[in-house]
Amino acid sequence: MARNELLRLFCALRLPEAAVDQLVVWQGEHLHGGRRVSRGNLHVTLAFLGRRPAEEVPAISAELRAAAGGAGRIQFEPRRYRETRSVGMVLLDDAGGAATALAADLDERLERLGVYRREGRPWLPHITVLRFRERPCLDPPPPALGPLSPSDAAVYSSVLRSGGALYDVLASVALGGR
């Protein structure tokens, strides 16, 4: 990476492999009429930063590490499937609110760093599982994942391609208590 190279960045919670395995099976059984999000791209976004200079990655990673280190135990429960104009997602209940608190802390840290501007709407914990041009109007049951705790958090680079985005983990950090 060149220092002045622009990267499309976001911070996210990574999912345990067992949960990803179950999600992939669920996608195959229930999601038709679009492009399923590949197993390597399944995550819970904390903050989308957009195009940022590569030289900012170490500082962004440090802020994610600080926020994640202070996070309480995160536990999600799949609530339901929902479609927007271009994606299908599994909405998650944030038991205890630890993930919501982490997202708010990270937002503040990244704003102070000058690399992020908070969205006007509240953070919504979800996993994007399907992308489409025309809404398929699906109504599957939520995946039976049971309680789900993220494995860690990461700073990702996203490269858009015609066959779907390619995500690369640039830095991975432990969550508090792990």
C-alpha atoms as a PDB file:
ATOM      1  CA  MET A   1       0.000   0.000   0.000  1.00  0.00           C
ATOM      2  CA  ALA A   2       1.265   3.429  -0.916  1.00  0.00           C
ATOM      3  CA  ARG A   3       0.868   5.944   1.915  1.00  0.00           C
ATOM      4  CA  ASN A   4      -1.323   8.253  -0.175  1.00  0.00           C
ATOM      5  CA  GLU A   5      -3.327   5.428  -1.803  1.00  0.00           C
ATOM      6  CA  LEU A   6      -7.065   5.790  -1.153  1.00  0.00           C
ATOM      7  CA  LEU A   7      -8.743   2.735   0.350  1.00  0.00           C
ATOM      8  CA  ARG A   8     -12.447   2.091   0.877  1.00  0.00           C
ATOM      9  CA  LEU A   9     -12.503   1.327   4.620  1.00  0.00           C
ATOM     10  CA  PHE A  10     -14.926   0.093   7.241  1.00  0.00           C
ATOM     11  CA  CYS A  11     -14.747  -1.320  10.774  1.00  0.00           C
ATOM     12  CA  ALA A  12     -16.756  -4.431  11.630  1.00  0.00           C
ATOM     13  CA  LEU A  13     -17.309  -7.273  14.039  1.00  0.00           C
ATOM     14  CA  ARG A  14     -16.166 -10.621  12.685  1.00  0.00           C
ATOM     15  CA  LEU A  15     -18.356 -13.662  13.133  1.00  0.00           C
ATOM     16  CA  PRO A  16     -17.278 -17.044  14.530  1.00  0.00           C
ATOM     17  CA  GLU A  17     -16.689 -19.688  11.838  1.00  0.00           C
ATOM     18  CA  ALA A  18     -19.476 -21.933  13.167  1.00  0.00           C
ATOM     19  CA  ALA A  19     -21.996 -19.088  12.777  1.00  0.00           C
ATOM     20  CA  VAL A  20     -20.707 -18.312   9.283  1.00  0.00           C
ATOM     21  CA  ASP A  21     -21.086 -21.987   8.341  1.00  0.00           C
ATOM     22  CA  GLN A  22     -24.712 -21.942   9.536  1.00  0.00           C
ATOM     23  CA  LEU A  23     -25.424 -18.666   7.728  1.00  0.00           C
ATOM     24  CA  VAL A  24     -24.106 -20.052   4.439  1.00  0.00           C
ATOM     25  CA  VAL A  25     -26.377 -23.110   4.734  1.00  0.00           C
ATOM     26  CA  TRP A  26     -29.334 -20.839   5.589  1.00  0.00           C
ATOM     27  CA  GLN A  27     -28.567 -18.597   2.594  1.00  0.00           C
ATOM     28  CA  GLY A  28     -28.596 -21.621   0.280  1.00  0.00           C
ATOM     29  CA  GLU A  29     -31.923 -22.824   1.644  1.00  0.00           C
ATOM     30  CA  HIS A  30     -33.794 -19.493   1.792  1.00  0.00           C
ATOM     31  CA  LEU A  31     -32.237 -16.782  -0.381  1.00  0.00           C
ATOM     32  CA  HIS A  32     -32.999 -16.735  -4.103  1.00  0.00           C
ATOM     33  CA  GLY A  33     -33.317 -13.924  -6.620  1.00  0.00           C
ATOM     34  CA  GLY A  34     -30.131 -12.029  -5.913  1.00  0.00           C
ATOM     35  CA  ARG A  35     -26.427 -12.488  -5.199  1.00  0.00           C
ATOM     36  CA  ARG A  36     -25.708 -14.093  -1.831  1.00  0.00           C
ATOM     37  CA  VAL A  37     -22.987 -12.397   0.174  1.00  0.00           C
ATOM     38  CA  SER A  38     -19.988 -14.741   0.220  1.00  0.00           C
ATOM     39  CA  ARG A  39     -18.890 -16.370   3.456  1.00  0.00           C
ATOM     40  CA  GLY A  40     -15.755 -14.217   3.687  1.00  0.00           C
ATOM     41  CA  ASN A  41     -17.861 -11.048   3.522  1.00  0.00           C
ATOM     42  CA  LEU A  42     -20.334 -11.865   6.308  1.00  0.00           C
ATOM     43  CA  HIS A  43     -19.826  -9.462   9.230  1.00  0.00           C
ATOM     44  CA  VAL A  44     -21.559  -6.811  11.373  1.00  0.00           C
ATOM     45  CA  THR A  45     -20.507  -3.310  10.271  1.00  0.00           C
ATOM     46  CA  LEU A  46     -19.664  -0.874  13.056  1.00  0.00           C
ATOM     47  CA  ALA A  47     -18.677   2.149  10.923  1.00  0.00           C
ATOM     48  CA  PHE A  48     -18.246   2.727   7.192  1.00  0.00           C
ATOM     49  CA  LEU A  49     -15.489   5.285   6.596  1.00  0.00           C
ATOM     50  CA  GLY A  50     -15.482   5.444   2.794  1.00  0.00           C
ATOM     51  CA  ARG A  51     -12.353   6.383   0.846  1.00  0.00           C
ATOM     52  CA  ARG A  52      -9.471   7.209   3.190  1.00  0.00           C
ATOM     53  CA  PRO A  53      -5.700   7.495   2.689  1.00  0.00           C
ATOM     54  CA  ALA A  54      -3.821   4.275   3.496  1.00  0.00           C
ATOM     55  CA  GLU A  55      -1.598   6.204   5.912  1.00  0.00           C
ATOM     56  CA  GLU A  56      -4.616   6.592   8.244  1.00  0.00           C
ATOM     57  CA  VAL A  57      -5.055   2.835   8.748  1.00  0.00           C
ATOM     58  CA  PRO A  58      -2.712   2.598  11.798  1.00  0.00           C
ATOM     59  CA  ALA A  59      -4.538   5.406  13.631  1.00  0.00           C
ATOM     60  CA  ILE A  60      -7.960   3.954  12.731  1.00  0.00           C
ATOM     61  CA  SER A  61      -6.790   0.536  13.945  1.00  0.00           C
ATOM     62  CA  ALA A  62      -5.574   2.055  17.221  1.00  0.00           C
ATOM     63  CA  GLU A  63      -8.969   3.671  17.845  1.00  0.00           C
ATOM     64  CA  LEU A  64     -10.767   0.412  17.031  1.00  0.00           C
ATOM     65  CA  ARG A  65      -8.414  -1.437  19.419  1.00  0.00           C
ATOM     66  CA  ALA A  66      -9.114   1.078  22.210  1.00  0.00           C
ATOM     67  CA  ALA A  67     -12.890   0.929  21.722  1.00  0.00           C
ATOM     68  CA  ALA A  68     -12.954  -2.879  21.373  1.00  0.00           C
ATOM     69  CA  GLY A  69     -10.745  -3.358  24.434  1.00  0.00           C
ATOM     70  CA  GLY A  70     -13.295  -1.573  26.591  1.00  0.00           C
ATOM     71  CA  ALA A  71     -16.294  -3.358  25.101  1.00  0.00           C
ATOM     72  CA  GLY A  72     -18.497  -5.523  27.253  1.00  0.00           C
ATOM     73  CA  ARG A  73     -19.484  -9.047  26.224  1.00  0.00           C
ATOM     74  CA  ILE A  74     -21.335  -8.789  22.932  1.00  0.00           C
ATOM     75  CA  GLN A  75     -24.141 -11.214  22.283  1.00  0.00           C
ATOM     76  CA  PHE A  76     -26.494 -11.095  19.310  1.00  0.00           C
ATOM     77  CA  GLU A  77     -29.675 -13.015  18.627  1.00  0.00           C
ATOM     78  CA  PRO A  78     -31.011 -13.153  15.028  1.00  0.00           C
ATOM     79  CA  ARG A  79     -34.388 -11.384  15.008  1.00  0.00           C
ATOM     80  CA  ARG A  80     -35.699 -11.365  11.423  1.00  0.00           C
ATOM     81  CA  TYR A  81     -34.864 -10.977   7.736  1.00  0.00           C
ATOM     82  CA  ARG A  82     -35.427  -7.534   6.171  1.00  0.00           C
ATOM     83  CA  GLU A  83     -34.972  -6.095   2.678  1.00  0.00           C
ATOM     84  CA  THR A  84     -34.044  -2.555   1.682  1.00  0.00           C
ATOM     85  CA  ARG A  85     -33.912  -1.291  -1.908  1.00  0.00           C
ATOM     86  CA  SER A  86     -30.699  -3.206  -2.663  1.00  0.00           C
ATOM     87  CA  VAL A  87     -29.849  -5.652   0.143  1.00  0.00           C
ATOM     88  CA  GLY A  88     -31.330  -8.388   2.301  1.00  0.00           C
ATOM     89  CA  MET A  89     -30.152  -8.499   5.897  1.00  0.00           C
ATOM     90  CA  VAL A  90     -30.571 -10.437   9.096  1.00  0.00           C
ATOM     91  CA  LEU A  91     -31.448  -7.987  11.853  1.00  0.00           C
ATOM     92  CA  LEU A  92     -29.863  -8.755  15.201  1.00  0.00           C
ATOM     93  CA  ASP A  93     -30.996  -8.090  18.750  1.00  0.00           C
ATOM     94  CA  ASP A  94     -28.101  -6.693  20.792  1.00  0.00           C
ATOM     95  CA  ALA A  95     -28.632  -8.405  24.156  1.00  0.00           C
ATOM     96  CA  GLY A  96     -27.414  -6.040  26.861  1.00  0.00           C
ATOM     97  CA  GLY A  97     -26.485  -3.290  24.361  1.00  0.00           C
ATOM     98  CA  ALA A  98     -22.719  -3.926  24.402  1.00  0.00           C
ATOM     99  CA  ALA A  99     -22.400  -3.811  20.597  1.00  0.00           C
ATOM    100  CA  THR A 100     -24.415  -0.593  20.406  1.00  0.00           C
ATOM    101  CA  ALA A 101     -22.163   0.941  23.081  1.00  0.00           C
ATOM    102  CA  LEU A 102     -19.070  -0.204  21.146  1.00  0.00           C
ATOM    103  CA  ALA A 103     -20.411   1.329  17.907  1.00  0.00           C
ATOM    104  CA  ALA A 104     -21.125   4.647  19.697  1.00  0.00           C
ATOM    105  CA  ASP A 105     -17.668   4.699  21.314  1.00  0.00           C
ATOM    106  CA  LEU A 106     -15.988   3.933  17.987  1.00  0.00           C
ATOM    107  CA  ASP A 107     -18.038   6.639  16.225  1.00  0.00           C
ATOM    108  CA  GLU A 108     -16.841   9.232  18.756  1.00  0.00           C
ATOM    109  CA  ARG A 109     -13.215   8.123  18.494  1.00  0.00           C
ATOM    110  CA  LEU A 110     -13.208   8.149  14.686  1.00  0.00           C
ATOM    111  CA  GLU A 111     -14.928  11.557  14.592  1.00  0.00           C
ATOM    112  CA  ARG A 112     -12.282  13.005  16.939  1.00  0.00           C
ATOM    113  CA  LEU A 113      -9.637  11.510  14.662  1.00  0.00           C
ATOM    114  CA  GLY A 114     -11.270  13.359  11.750  1.00  0.00           C
ATOM    115  CA  VAL A 115     -11.770  10.271   9.560  1.00  0.00           C
ATOM    116  CA  TYR A 116     -15.503   9.703  10.023  1.00  0.00           C
ATOM    117  CA  ARG A 117     -18.815  11.506  10.182  1.00  0.00           C
ATOM    118  CA  ARG A 118     -21.571   9.779  12.128  1.00  0.00           C
ATOM    119  CA  GLU A 119     -24.698   8.777  10.224  1.00  0.00           C
ATOM    120  CA  GLY A 120     -27.931  10.577  11.066  1.00  0.00           C
ATOM    121  CA  ARG A 121     -29.796   7.359  11.851  1.00  0.00           C
ATOM    122  CA  PRO A 122     -29.165   5.054  14.820  1.00  0.00           C
ATOM    123  CA  TRP A 123     -26.760   2.149  14.383  1.00  0.00           C
ATOM    124  CA  LEU A 124     -28.592  -1.022  13.351  1.00  0.00           C
ATOM    125  CA  PRO A 125     -26.911  -4.342  14.132  1.00  0.00           C
ATOM    126  CA  HIS A 126     -27.319  -6.600  11.102  1.00  0.00           C
ATOM    127  CA  ILE A 127     -25.585  -9.000   8.745  1.00  0.00           C
ATOM    128  CA  THR A 128     -25.999  -8.267   5.035  1.00  0.00           C
ATOM    129  CA  VAL A 129     -26.705 -11.648   3.423  1.00  0.00           C
ATOM    130  CA  LEU A 130     -28.070 -10.806  -0.058  1.00  0.00           C
ATOM    131  CA  ARG A 131     -27.559  -8.103  -2.702  1.00  0.00           C
ATOM    132  CA  PHE A 132     -29.937  -7.468  -5.590  1.00  0.00           C
ATOM    133  CA  ARG A 133     -31.017  -5.005  -8.264  1.00  0.00           C
ATOM    134  CA  GLU A 134     -34.681  -5.961  -8.035  1.00  0.00           C
ATOM    135  CA  ARG A 135     -36.159  -6.691  -4.624  1.00  0.00           C
ATOM    136  CA  PRO A 136     -37.047 -10.420  -4.433  1.00  0.00           C
ATOM    137  CA  CYS A 137     -39.590  -9.833  -1.595  1.00  0.00           C
ATOM    138  CA  LEU A 138     -38.438 -12.835   0.420  1.00  0.00           C
ATOM    139  CA  ASP A 139     -39.782 -13.658   3.882  1.00  0.00           C
ATOM    140  CA  PRO A 140     -37.568 -16.431   5.276  1.00  0.00           C
ATOM    141  CA  PRO A 141     -37.388 -17.328   8.958  1.00  0.00           C
ATOM    142  CA  PRO A 142     -34.319 -15.933  10.703  1.00  0.00           C
ATOM    143  CA  PRO A 143     -31.330 -18.272  10.752  1.00  0.00           C
ATOM    144  CA  ALA A 144     -31.282 -20.528  13.822  1.00  0.00           C
ATOM    145  CA  LEU A 145     -27.890 -19.402  15.081  1.00  0.00           C
ATOM    146  CA  GLY A 146     -28.807 -19.118  18.741  1.00  0.00           C
ATOM    147  CA  PRO A 147     -26.865 -16.577  20.779  1.00  0.00           C
ATOM    148  CA  LEU A 148     -23.980 -15.256  18.685  1.00  0.00           C
ATOM    149  CA  SER A 149     -20.829 -13.582  20.018  1.00  0.00           C
ATOM    150  CA  PRO A 150     -18.394 -11.958  17.566  1.00  0.00           C
ATOM    151  CA  SER A 151     -14.907 -13.397  17.471  1.00  0.00           C
ATOM    152  CA  ASP A 152     -13.134 -10.033  17.172  1.00  0.00           C
ATOM    153  CA  ALA A 153     -13.292  -6.667  15.375  1.00  0.00           C
ATOM    154  CA  ALA A 154     -11.391  -5.606  12.273  1.00  0.00           C
ATOM    155  CA  VAL A 155     -10.546  -2.767   9.926  1.00  0.00           C
ATOM    156  CA  TYR A 156     -11.417  -3.865   6.404  1.00  0.00           C
ATOM    157  CA  SER A 157     -10.559  -2.615   2.951  1.00  0.00           C
ATOM    158  CA  SER A 158     -13.280  -3.110   0.341  1.00  0.00           C
ATOM    159  CA  VAL A 159     -12.584  -3.288  -3.393  1.00  0.00           C
ATOM    160  CA  LEU A 160     -15.696  -3.114  -5.552  1.00  0.00           C
ATOM    161  CA  ARG A 161     -15.807  -5.547  -8.478  1.00  0.00           C
ATOM    162  CA  SER A 162     -18.508  -6.577 -10.945  1.00  0.00           C
ATOM    163  CA  GLY A 163     -18.869  -9.989  -9.254  1.00  0.00           C
ATOM    164  CA  GLY A 164     -19.127  -8.474  -5.775  1.00  0.00           C
ATOM    165  CA  ALA A 165     -16.878  -6.698  -3.311  1.00  0.00           C
ATOM    166  CA  LEU A 166     -13.590  -8.188  -2.163  1.00  0.00           C
ATOM    167  CA  TYR A 167     -12.907  -7.563   1.539  1.00  0.00           C
ATOM    168  CA  ASP A 168      -9.444  -7.661   3.039  1.00  0.00           C
ATOM    169  CA  VAL A 169      -8.768  -7.531   6.790  1.00  0.00           C
ATOM    170  CA  LEU A 170      -6.078  -4.892   7.370  1.00  0.00           C
ATOM    171  CA  ALA A 171      -6.035  -5.147  11.166  1.00  0.00           C
ATOM    172  CA  SER A 172      -7.823  -7.378  13.657  1.00  0.00           C
ATOM    173  CA  VAL A 173      -8.322  -6.563  17.342  1.00  0.00           C
ATOM    174  CA  ALA A 174      -9.576  -8.499  20.361  1.00  0.00           C
ATOM    175  CA  LEU A 175     -12.829  -7.591  22.048  1.00  0.00           C
ATOM    176  CA  GLY A 176     -12.858  -6.755  25.776  1.00  0.00           C
ATOM    177  CA  GLY A 177     -12.756  -9.797  28.007  1.00  0.00           C
ATOM    178  CA  ARG A 178     -11.392 -12.064  25.245  1.00  0.00           C
END
